[in-house]
Each structure stands twice: as structure tokens, then as C-alpha cells.
Amino acid sequence: MFKKVLVVLLVFVCFGCASHRDVGVVPAPYDPIEQTNRGIFAFNEVVNDYVYSPVIDTYNFILPEFLRTRVYRFFSNIGEMGTVINSLLQAKFENAGVTTGRFAINSTVGVAGLFDVATDWGVTRDKENFSKTLTTWGVAEGPIITVPFLYPMSIRHGIGMIGDIFLDPMYFIVPAATNGNRTIYWVYYGASIFVFYADNLEYLEDVKNVTLDPYSAIIRYTRLSEYADVDGLPMSAMSLHEEGESQATSVSYDFDFDDLDARDMSKTVNKKSGDVSK
């Protein structure tokens, strides 16, 4: 299975490396099945309103913020090793070393990652994932797809999510420690996704609530965030360009990040990059 996934990723890389863009510029999204995507997005919104949100509200009600932060930090600390591997794949050796140091500090002094001592000591890093690695390699984005129960994303981002599973050391460590029982890993993986989604739901809802077109807003937010991470720039410095136009445009995007509370948005971006501690 692992070899088959690697073959698919290598084929995608080989046929997708012709893309080029200027720093600070987000290319126009390619959405050839937009109507289908919007239909699935509408279904996902119903699931979010009647399943995800009530469960997350219950989770937030039961656990006080202090304990929720400890849970978030625990999973975030384990995820540091994914940043190490993707930093190496991007030849960002300094970031890989710093992140390894963060993992060592938080796993020991920070009590299994429950406390972000490394950030308190000024040891910060840029968070990396396989989607960002593919972007750095110049792999083409591909069309936008909306997967049931998830959000709209590019083909590249979807492959990146799959790649992150196989680049996660826990994918191999957990079965090795449980006589090949991979079910425990999937429980761990599902729990980590839930914790990260619960932590960011408020900000995603803010993105959707300041626009008449939530579908386009989510696409713009996720793409701006991804390319800003790659370029090392704040999202406010990024420009969305339509194909064939030299000026930044907001065509088809009824959304302005200035409508959001700047403190909340900066908290979201910085928290994901490991620059702040909750």
C-alpha cells in the first residue's frame, strides 16, 4: 500500500512541476466542477451545523479551556515530527533542527508536550506539511475538489493530506508497539483531526460569516494561508490574481479579511506557525 501511494505521488510530481508563480501572488483557482463542489459543500455545511458543531460545543462545555489547550498541545507536539520530515524534504535544515529541539524540549520539560515551553524560551519554527512540500517543489495545484465531510481543496492539497499520514512516524510506531494493530493509529489520527478542527472552528466560522459566498471565502482563505506559508509572508500581503490579469483582483470573492477581528486572525496564523502559546 505504501509503495503504491509513493508511485502515485511521484507520478503527480513528474507531471506537475511546470507551474510557476511570482512570490506573493496566489494564482486563480481552477474549479471546473464548481456546481458539483458547491453541492457537496452545502451538504458539508449541514453536517457541520448538525453534527460537528454540536459535538464541538459539548466538548468545549465539558472541558475547560486550560484542559482543551493541554490536549491541543499534546497532539501539536507529536505533529512536530511531521514538520521535521517535511523541512528536510524542502532542504530547510535549520527549521528541521529547531523543530527537533522544540520536540525534545516540549516532550521532556513540557511534560509530553502538554506545555509549550519551547515557545516560552523563544524556540519557534515554521510549521511544514506535505502539501507545502509539494508547493515548494513546484507541483501544480490541480483543480478544486470538495470531498464529503471535508472542505474545498486543490488536488495537490488533498494528496498532501494523504502524504502527511504516511510521513507521520506514529503511522509506523503505533502498529509496531501494538502487534500490528493499526486501528489504534486511526483512533489517534481521528482524535487529532477533531482537536485541531475544534480549535479552529471559531475562525472558520468567522471567515464564512463575513461573506455572502462562504464557498468562495473558504477557498480563498485556505489558498491564501497555504501560499502565505510557502512565501513566508502574512496573508494580508498576498495578492489573488485572475488568469491573464496583471493586477490583483477580488473577482468572484465577496470577502475581505479586514472585516475580521485582526487579533483573532493573527492568533490563528501565529498559533499554526508555533509563534504563540495559548
Protein backbone atom coordinates (compact mmCIF):
# COMPACT_ATOMS: atom_id res chain seq x y z
CA MET A 1 0.00 0.00 0.00
CA PHE A 2 2.77 2.40 0.97
CA LYS A 3 4.67 1.74 -2.26
CA LYS A 4 1.53 2.35 -4.34
CA VAL A 5 0.98 5.72 -2.66
CA LEU A 6 4.62 6.68 -3.31
CA VAL A 7 4.23 5.78 -7.02
CA VAL A 8 1.10 7.96 -7.30
CA LEU A 9 2.88 10.86 -5.60
CA LEU A 10 5.94 10.53 -7.84
CA VAL A 11 3.76 10.50 -10.99
CA PHE A 12 1.93 13.58 -9.76
CA VAL A 13 5.23 15.34 -9.09
CA CYS A 14 6.66 14.46 -12.50
CA PHE A 15 3.64 15.76 -14.41
CA GLY A 16 3.01 18.76 -12.23
CA CYS A 17 6.33 20.56 -11.99
CA ALA A 18 5.68 23.01 -14.80
CA SER A 19 3.82 25.53 -12.65
CA HIS A 20 5.44 28.88 -11.85
CA ARG A 21 4.25 31.94 -9.98
CA ASP A 22 5.64 35.12 -8.50
CA VAL A 23 6.23 35.40 -4.76
CA GLY A 24 3.26 36.95 -3.00
CA VAL A 25 0.86 36.04 -5.79
CA VAL A 26 -1.88 33.43 -5.40
CA PRO A 27 -2.89 32.00 -8.79
CA ALA A 28 -6.57 31.91 -9.70
CA PRO A 29 -8.24 28.67 -8.58
CA TYR A 30 -9.17 26.13 -11.24
CA ASP A 31 -12.68 24.93 -10.41
CA PRO A 32 -14.11 23.09 -13.46
CA ILE A 33 -16.75 21.23 -11.41
CA GLU A 34 -17.79 24.20 -9.30
CA GLN A 35 -21.51 23.36 -9.26
CA THR A 36 -20.82 19.83 -8.02
CA ASN A 37 -18.36 21.16 -5.47
CA ARG A 38 -20.90 23.70 -4.24
CA GLY A 39 -23.49 20.95 -3.84
CA ILE A 40 -21.11 18.85 -1.73
CA PHE A 41 -20.11 21.97 0.21
CA ALA A 42 -23.77 22.63 1.03
CA PHE A 43 -24.08 19.05 2.31
CA ASN A 44 -20.93 19.52 4.40
CA GLU A 45 -22.39 22.69 5.90
CA VAL A 46 -25.45 20.74 7.07
CA VAL A 47 -23.17 18.11 8.63
CA ASN A 48 -21.14 20.89 10.24
CA ASP A 49 -24.23 22.62 11.68
CA TYR A 50 -25.97 19.49 12.98
CA VAL A 51 -23.09 17.14 13.81
CA TYR A 52 -19.66 18.76 14.09
CA SER A 53 -20.69 21.99 15.81
CA PRO A 54 -22.90 20.36 18.49
CA VAL A 55 -20.20 17.80 19.28
CA ILE A 56 -17.54 20.50 19.49
CA ASP A 57 -19.82 22.69 21.63
CA THR A 58 -20.26 19.74 24.00
CA TYR A 59 -16.51 19.16 24.07
CA ASN A 60 -15.89 22.84 24.85
CA PHE A 61 -18.56 22.77 27.56
CA ILE A 62 -17.19 19.67 29.29
CA LEU A 63 -13.50 20.58 29.16
CA PRO A 64 -12.37 23.97 30.47
CA GLU A 65 -10.08 25.99 28.21
CA PHE A 66 -6.98 25.05 30.20
CA LEU A 67 -7.54 21.32 29.60
CA ARG A 68 -8.51 21.85 25.94
CA THR A 69 -5.23 23.70 25.45
CA ARG A 70 -3.28 20.84 27.02
CA VAL A 71 -4.96 18.34 24.66
CA TYR A 72 -4.24 20.61 21.68
CA ARG A 73 -0.61 20.99 22.74
CA PHE A 74 -0.20 17.22 23.15
CA PHE A 75 -1.28 16.46 19.57
CA SER A 76 0.56 19.51 18.24
CA ASN A 77 3.80 18.30 19.83
CA ILE A 78 3.50 14.88 18.21
CA GLY A 79 2.93 16.65 14.89
CA GLU A 80 6.31 18.37 15.21
CA MET A 81 8.00 15.33 13.71
CA GLY A 82 5.98 15.79 10.52
CA THR A 83 7.42 19.30 10.31
CA VAL A 84 10.92 17.86 10.75
CA ILE A 85 10.47 15.41 7.87
CA ASN A 86 8.87 17.96 5.53
CA SER A 87 11.54 20.53 6.39
CA LEU A 88 14.18 18.01 5.30
CA LEU A 89 12.26 17.34 2.07
CA GLN A 90 12.30 21.09 1.41
CA ALA A 91 16.01 21.38 2.32
CA LYS A 92 15.11 23.63 5.26
CA PHE A 93 17.69 22.05 7.51
CA GLU A 94 17.76 24.84 10.09
CA ASN A 95 13.99 24.58 10.57
CA ALA A 96 14.30 20.81 10.88
CA GLY A 97 16.92 21.21 13.61
CA VAL A 98 14.96 23.85 15.50
CA THR A 99 11.79 21.76 15.33
CA THR A 100 13.65 18.71 16.62
CA GLY A 101 14.83 20.84 19.53
CA ARG A 102 11.25 22.02 20.16
CA PHE A 103 10.05 18.44 20.22
CA ALA A 104 12.78 17.43 22.68
CA ILE A 105 12.10 20.39 24.98
CA ASN A 106 8.32 20.09 24.99
CA SER A 107 8.38 16.29 25.31
CA THR A 108 10.51 16.49 28.44
CA VAL A 109 10.31 19.83 30.22
CA GLY A 110 6.88 20.42 28.70
CA VAL A 111 5.55 17.09 30.05
CA ALA A 112 4.81 15.13 26.86
CA GLY A 113 4.00 18.33 25.03
CA LEU A 114 1.23 19.44 27.37
CA PHE A 115 3.02 22.78 27.79
CA ASP A 116 4.76 24.74 25.03
CA VAL A 117 7.89 25.54 26.97
CA ALA A 118 9.94 25.86 23.76
CA THR A 119 7.95 28.89 22.59
CA ASP A 120 8.30 30.47 26.03
CA TRP A 121 12.06 30.05 25.62
CA GLY A 122 11.97 31.66 22.17
CA VAL A 123 12.42 28.41 20.22
CA THR A 124 9.95 28.80 17.33
CA ARG A 125 9.69 27.21 13.91
CA ASP A 126 7.71 27.32 10.66
CA LYS A 127 5.15 24.52 10.56
CA GLU A 128 5.51 22.33 7.47
CA ASN A 129 3.32 19.69 5.85
CA PHE A 130 3.46 17.64 2.67
CA SER A 131 1.09 19.96 0.80
CA LYS A 132 3.54 22.78 1.43
CA THR A 133 6.39 20.50 0.37
CA LEU A 134 4.66 19.80 -2.95
CA THR A 135 4.05 23.52 -3.42
CA THR A 136 7.72 24.25 -2.72
CA TRP A 137 8.70 21.64 -5.29
CA GLY A 138 6.58 23.48 -7.87
CA VAL A 139 3.91 20.80 -8.18
CA ALA A 140 0.81 22.10 -9.94
CA GLU A 141 -2.25 22.77 -7.82
CA GLY A 142 -4.74 20.95 -10.00
CA PRO A 143 -8.49 21.52 -9.86
CA ILE A 144 -10.51 22.32 -6.76
CA ILE A 145 -12.43 19.40 -5.27
CA THR A 146 -14.81 19.22 -2.34
CA VAL A 147 -14.74 15.92 -0.50
CA PRO A 148 -17.78 14.92 1.58
CA PHE A 149 -17.31 15.84 5.26
CA LEU A 150 -14.25 17.99 4.43
CA TYR A 151 -13.66 21.44 2.95
CA PRO A 152 -12.86 22.54 -0.63
CA MET A 153 -9.23 21.94 -1.54
CA SER A 154 -6.94 21.52 -4.51
CA ILE A 155 -5.88 18.09 -5.74
CA ARG A 156 -2.37 18.94 -4.56
CA HIS A 157 -3.63 19.74 -1.07
CA GLY A 158 -5.63 16.51 -0.95
CA ILE A 159 -2.57 14.47 -1.94
CA GLY A 160 -0.63 16.42 0.67
CA MET A 161 -3.09 15.35 3.37
CA ILE A 162 -2.64 11.71 2.35
CA GLY A 163 1.12 12.12 2.21
CA ASP A 164 1.15 13.53 5.74
CA ILE A 165 -0.36 10.29 7.01
CA PHE A 166 2.49 8.22 5.58
CA LEU A 167 5.10 10.75 6.73
CA ASP A 168 3.75 10.62 10.28
CA PRO A 169 6.11 8.48 12.40
CA MET A 170 3.11 7.48 14.51
CA TYR A 171 1.73 5.63 11.47
CA PHE A 172 4.57 3.14 11.92
CA ILE A 173 5.29 3.46 15.64
CA VAL A 174 1.76 2.67 16.89
CA PRO A 175 1.32 -0.60 14.93
CA ALA A 176 4.87 -1.66 15.84
CA ALA A 177 4.07 -1.15 19.51
CA THR A 178 0.66 -2.89 19.33
CA ASN A 179 1.48 -6.05 17.35
CA GLY A 180 0.36 -4.54 14.06
CA ASN A 181 -2.90 -3.07 15.34
CA ARG A 182 -3.36 -0.07 13.03
CA THR A 183 -6.86 0.63 14.40
CA ILE A 184 -5.29 2.38 17.38
CA TYR A 185 -3.45 4.69 14.99
CA TRP A 186 -6.66 5.64 13.18
CA VAL A 187 -8.30 6.41 16.53
CA TYR A 188 -5.32 8.64 17.36
CA TYR A 189 -5.48 10.26 13.90
CA GLY A 190 -9.23 10.90 14.16
CA ALA A 191 -8.80 12.40 17.62
CA SER A 192 -6.06 14.73 16.41
CA ILE A 193 -8.18 15.93 13.47
CA PHE A 194 -11.09 16.57 15.83
CA VAL A 195 -8.93 18.55 18.28
CA PHE A 196 -7.42 20.74 15.58
CA TYR A 197 -10.80 21.32 13.92
CA ALA A 198 -12.40 22.18 17.25
CA ASP A 199 -9.61 24.65 17.96
CA ASN A 200 -10.06 26.41 14.60
CA LEU A 201 -13.84 26.16 14.10
CA GLU A 202 -14.40 29.66 15.50
CA TYR A 203 -12.07 31.20 12.93
CA LEU A 204 -13.52 29.24 10.01
CA GLU A 205 -16.99 30.39 11.04
CA ASP A 206 -15.71 33.99 11.11
CA VAL A 207 -14.44 33.55 7.55
CA LYS A 208 -17.84 32.33 6.39
CA ASN A 209 -19.93 34.82 8.36
CA VAL A 210 -18.43 37.96 6.77
CA THR A 211 -19.36 36.98 3.22
CA LEU A 212 -22.39 36.18 1.10
CA ASP A 213 -20.45 33.36 -0.58
CA PRO A 214 -18.94 31.04 2.08
CA TYR A 215 -17.76 28.53 -0.53
CA SER A 216 -15.51 31.06 -2.27
CA ALA A 217 -14.42 32.54 1.06
CA ILE A 218 -13.19 29.20 2.38
CA ILE A 219 -11.29 28.54 -0.86
CA ARG A 220 -9.69 31.95 -0.69
CA TYR A 221 -8.80 31.63 2.99
CA THR A 222 -7.19 28.18 2.66
CA ARG A 223 -5.26 29.10 -0.50
CA LEU A 224 -4.06 32.45 0.83
CA SER A 225 -2.97 30.72 4.05
CA GLU A 226 -1.13 27.96 2.18
CA TYR A 227 0.72 30.25 -0.24
CA ALA A 228 1.50 32.77 2.52
CA ASP A 229 3.13 29.94 4.48
CA VAL A 230 5.19 28.94 1.44
CA ASP A 231 6.32 32.53 0.73
CA GLY A 232 6.87 33.40 4.38
CA LEU A 233 4.52 36.38 4.15
CA PRO A 234 1.42 37.45 6.09
CA MET A 235 -1.86 36.72 4.34
CA SER A 236 -2.56 40.46 4.07
CA ALA A 237 0.49 40.79 1.81
CA MET A 238 -0.73 38.18 -0.68
CA SER A 239 -2.49 39.06 -3.94
CA LEU A 240 -5.06 36.90 -5.71
CA HIS A 241 -4.65 37.19 -9.45
CA GLU A 242 -7.06 36.15 -12.15
CA GLU A 243 -5.55 34.40 -15.16
CA GLY A 244 -4.39 36.86 -17.78
CA GLU A 245 -4.57 39.91 -15.49
CA SER A 246 -1.59 41.76 -14.08
CA GLN A 247 -3.44 43.43 -11.21
CA ALA A 248 -4.74 41.84 -8.06
CA THR A 249 -8.44 41.25 -8.18
CA SER A 250 -11.21 40.00 -5.94
CA VAL A 251 -13.45 38.80 -8.77
CA SER A 252 -15.84 36.06 -7.59
CA TYR A 253 -14.70 36.57 -3.99
CA ASP A 254 -17.10 38.58 -1.89
CA PHE A 255 -14.77 38.58 1.09
CA ASP A 256 -12.35 40.94 2.80
CA PHE A 257 -10.02 39.86 5.59
CA ASP A 258 -10.23 43.40 7.00
CA ASP A 259 -13.79 42.55 8.08
CA LEU A 260 -12.40 40.08 10.61
CA ASP A 261 -11.03 40.91 14.01
CA ALA A 262 -7.30 41.38 13.41
CA ARG A 263 -6.40 39.91 16.77
CA ASP A 264 -8.29 36.68 16.09
CA MET A 265 -6.78 36.25 12.62
CA SER A 266 -3.24 36.95 13.81
CA LYS A 267 -3.77 34.49 16.66
CA THR A 268 -4.84 31.82 14.16
CA VAL A 269 -1.88 32.35 11.83
CA ASN A 270 0.73 32.66 14.57
CA LYS A 271 -0.61 29.70 16.53
CA LYS A 272 -0.34 27.45 13.50
CA SER A 273 3.25 28.56 12.92
CA GLY A 274 4.15 27.91 16.54
CA ASP A 275 4.87 31.54 17.35
CA VAL A 276 2.44 31.99 20.21
CA SER A 277 1.39 29.99 23.22
CA LYS A 278 -2.17 29.67 24.41
